[in-house]
C-alpha atoms as a PDB file:
ATOM      1  CA  MET A   1      68.367  37.487  -9.354  1.00  0.00           C
ATOM      2  CA  LEU A   2      66.910  40.096 -11.693  1.00  0.00           C
ATOM      3  CA  THR A   3      64.101  42.341 -10.474  1.00  0.00           C
ATOM      4  CA  THR A   4      61.839  44.313 -12.807  1.00  0.00           C
ATOM      5  CA  LEU A   5      60.078  47.444 -11.559  1.00  0.00           C
ATOM      6  CA  THR A   6      57.493  49.590 -13.339  1.00  0.00           C
ATOM      7  CA  PHE A   7      57.213  53.305 -12.616  1.00  0.00           C
ATOM      8  CA  CYS A   8      54.002  55.182 -13.394  1.00  0.00           C
ATOM      9  CA  THR A   9      55.637  58.530 -12.724  1.00  0.00           C
ATOM     10  CA  ILE A  10      59.100  59.974 -12.144  1.00  0.00           C
ATOM     11  CA  PRO A  11      58.490  63.328 -10.437  1.00  0.00           C
ATOM     12  CA  ASN A  12      62.171  64.009  -9.712  1.00  0.00           C
ATOM     13  CA  THR A  13      64.268  62.869 -12.655  1.00  0.00           C
ATOM     14  CA  ASP A  14      67.544  64.071 -11.136  1.00  0.00           C
ATOM     15  CA  LYS A  15      66.972  62.023  -7.976  1.00  0.00           C
ATOM     16  CA  PHE A  16      66.003  58.975 -10.036  1.00  0.00           C
ATOM     17  CA  LEU A  17      69.111  59.214 -12.228  1.00  0.00           C
ATOM     18  CA  ASN A  18      71.290  59.753  -9.147  1.00  0.00           C
ATOM     19  CA  MET A  19      69.957  56.451  -7.767  1.00  0.00           C
ATOM     20  CA  VAL A  20      70.822  54.827 -11.090  1.00  0.00           C
ATOM     21  CA  THR A  21      74.379  56.171 -10.846  1.00  0.00           C
ATOM     22  CA  GLN A  22      74.779  55.000  -7.237  1.00  0.00           C
ATOM     23  CA  SER A  23      73.323  51.540  -7.784  1.00  0.00           C
ATOM     24  CA  CYS A  24      75.663  48.583  -7.359  1.00  0.00           C
ATOM     25  CA  GLY A  25      74.483  46.659 -10.386  1.00  0.00           C
ATOM     26  CA  ASN A  26      73.119  47.336 -13.834  1.00  0.00           C
ATOM     27  CA  VAL A  27      69.901  49.297 -14.301  1.00  0.00           C
ATOM     28  CA  MET A  28      68.404  48.227 -17.596  1.00  0.00           C
ATOM     29  CA  LEU A  29      65.744  50.361 -19.285  1.00  0.00           C
ATOM     30  CA  HIS A  30      63.112  48.428 -21.263  1.00  0.00           C
ATOM     31  CA  LEU A  31      62.578  50.143 -24.622  1.00  0.00           C
ATOM     32  CA  PRO A  32      59.328  50.096 -26.641  1.00  0.00           C
ATOM     33  CA  ASP A  33      60.854  47.814 -29.301  1.00  0.00           C
ATOM     34  CA  GLY A  34      61.518  45.106 -26.683  1.00  0.00           C
ATOM     35  CA  SER A  35      65.238  45.770 -26.354  1.00  0.00           C
ATOM     36  CA  MET A  36      66.996  47.042 -23.231  1.00  0.00           C
ATOM     37  CA  CYS A  37      69.827  49.472 -22.571  1.00  0.00           C
ATOM     38  CA  ASP A  38      71.891  50.153 -19.459  1.00  0.00           C
ATOM     39  CA  LEU A  39      70.965  53.485 -17.877  1.00  0.00           C
ATOM     40  CA  LYS A  40      74.330  53.584 -16.106  1.00  0.00           C
ATOM     41  CA  GLN A  41      76.258  53.388 -19.387  1.00  0.00           C
ATOM     42  CA  SER A  42      74.051  55.156 -21.939  1.00  0.00           C
ATOM     43  CA  ASN A  43      73.890  58.950 -21.943  1.00  0.00           C
ATOM     44  CA  ILE A  44      71.269  58.739 -24.687  1.00  0.00           C
ATOM     45  CA  ALA A  45      69.028  56.609 -22.445  1.00  0.00           C
ATOM     46  CA  ARG A  46      69.507  59.093 -19.587  1.00  0.00           C
ATOM     47  CA  GLN A  47      68.443  61.962 -21.869  1.00  0.00           C
ATOM     48  CA  PHE A  48      65.462  59.877 -22.975  1.00  0.00           C
ATOM     49  CA  ILE A  49      64.393  59.569 -19.310  1.00  0.00           C
ATOM     50  CA  ARG A  50      64.694  63.353 -18.867  1.00  0.00           C
ATOM     51  CA  MET A  51      62.547  64.158 -21.915  1.00  0.00           C
ATOM     52  CA  MET A  52      60.002  61.360 -22.026  1.00  0.00           C
ATOM     53  CA  SER A  53      56.403  61.329 -20.934  1.00  0.00           C
ATOM     54  CA  ILE A  54      55.558  58.035 -19.242  1.00  0.00           C
ATOM     55  CA  GLY A  55      52.685  56.303 -21.002  1.00  0.00           C
ATOM     56  CA  LYS A  56      49.961  54.025 -19.696  1.00  0.00           C
ATOM     57  CA  ASP A  57      52.334  51.039 -19.588  1.00  0.00           C
ATOM     58  CA  GLY A  58      54.786  52.904 -17.348  1.00  0.00           C
ATOM     59  CA  LEU A  59      58.574  52.922 -17.408  1.00  0.00           C
ATOM     60  CA  ARG A  60      60.131  49.510 -16.799  1.00  0.00           C
ATOM     61  CA  ILE A  61      63.613  48.906 -15.468  1.00  0.00           C
ATOM     62  CA  THR A  62      65.396  45.720 -14.480  1.00  0.00           C
ATOM     63  CA  LEU A  63      67.884  45.708 -11.600  1.00  0.00           C
ATOM     64  CA  SER A  64      70.695  43.154 -11.594  1.00  0.00           C
ATOM     65  CA  LYS A  65      71.531  43.401  -7.859  1.00  0.00           C
ATOM     66  CA  GLU A  66      69.074  42.699  -5.039  1.00  0.00           C
ATOM     67  CA  ASN A  67      70.629  45.314  -2.755  1.00  0.00           C
ATOM     68  CA  ASP A  68      69.541  48.084  -5.181  1.00  0.00           C
ATOM     69  CA  ILE A  69      65.848  47.238  -4.853  1.00  0.00           C
ATOM     70  CA  SER A  70      65.199  49.062  -1.563  1.00  0.00           C
ATOM     71  CA  SER A  71      66.309  52.493  -2.809  1.00  0.00           C
ATOM     72  CA  PHE A  72      64.092  52.267  -5.908  1.00  0.00           C
ATOM     73  CA  ILE A  73      61.106  51.019  -3.862  1.00  0.00           C
ATOM     74  CA  ARG A  74      61.630  53.893  -1.404  1.00  0.00           C
ATOM     75  CA  TYR A  75      61.673  56.345  -4.319  1.00  0.00           C
ATOM     76  CA  MET A  76      58.378  54.882  -5.579  1.00  0.00           C
ATOM     77  CA  GLN A  77      56.802  55.195  -2.121  1.00  0.00           C
ATOM     78  CA  GLU A  78      57.975  58.788  -1.650  1.00  0.00           C
ATOM     79  CA  SER A  79      56.690  59.686  -5.118  1.00  0.00           C
ATOM     80  CA  ALA A  80      53.221  58.493  -4.160  1.00  0.00           C
ATOM     81  CA  LEU A  81      52.959  60.980  -1.287  1.00  0.00           C
END
């Protein structure tokens, strides 16, 4: 089952990318042109995350493994505090 999450902010990019690295499945970044790239495999995509400013539509990722969802949801909750 694929799960798509949208982030409105990423206050700690290093922590976010560490979660990507530690995830069990693929973490696909949705690009503005409609394509996707794997954040675990693409250093260019990781640099894009570090430099980008999240727009009104947010940053969308798709997780390929259900057991990765909880860590990303926790990150979103902690970011809101």
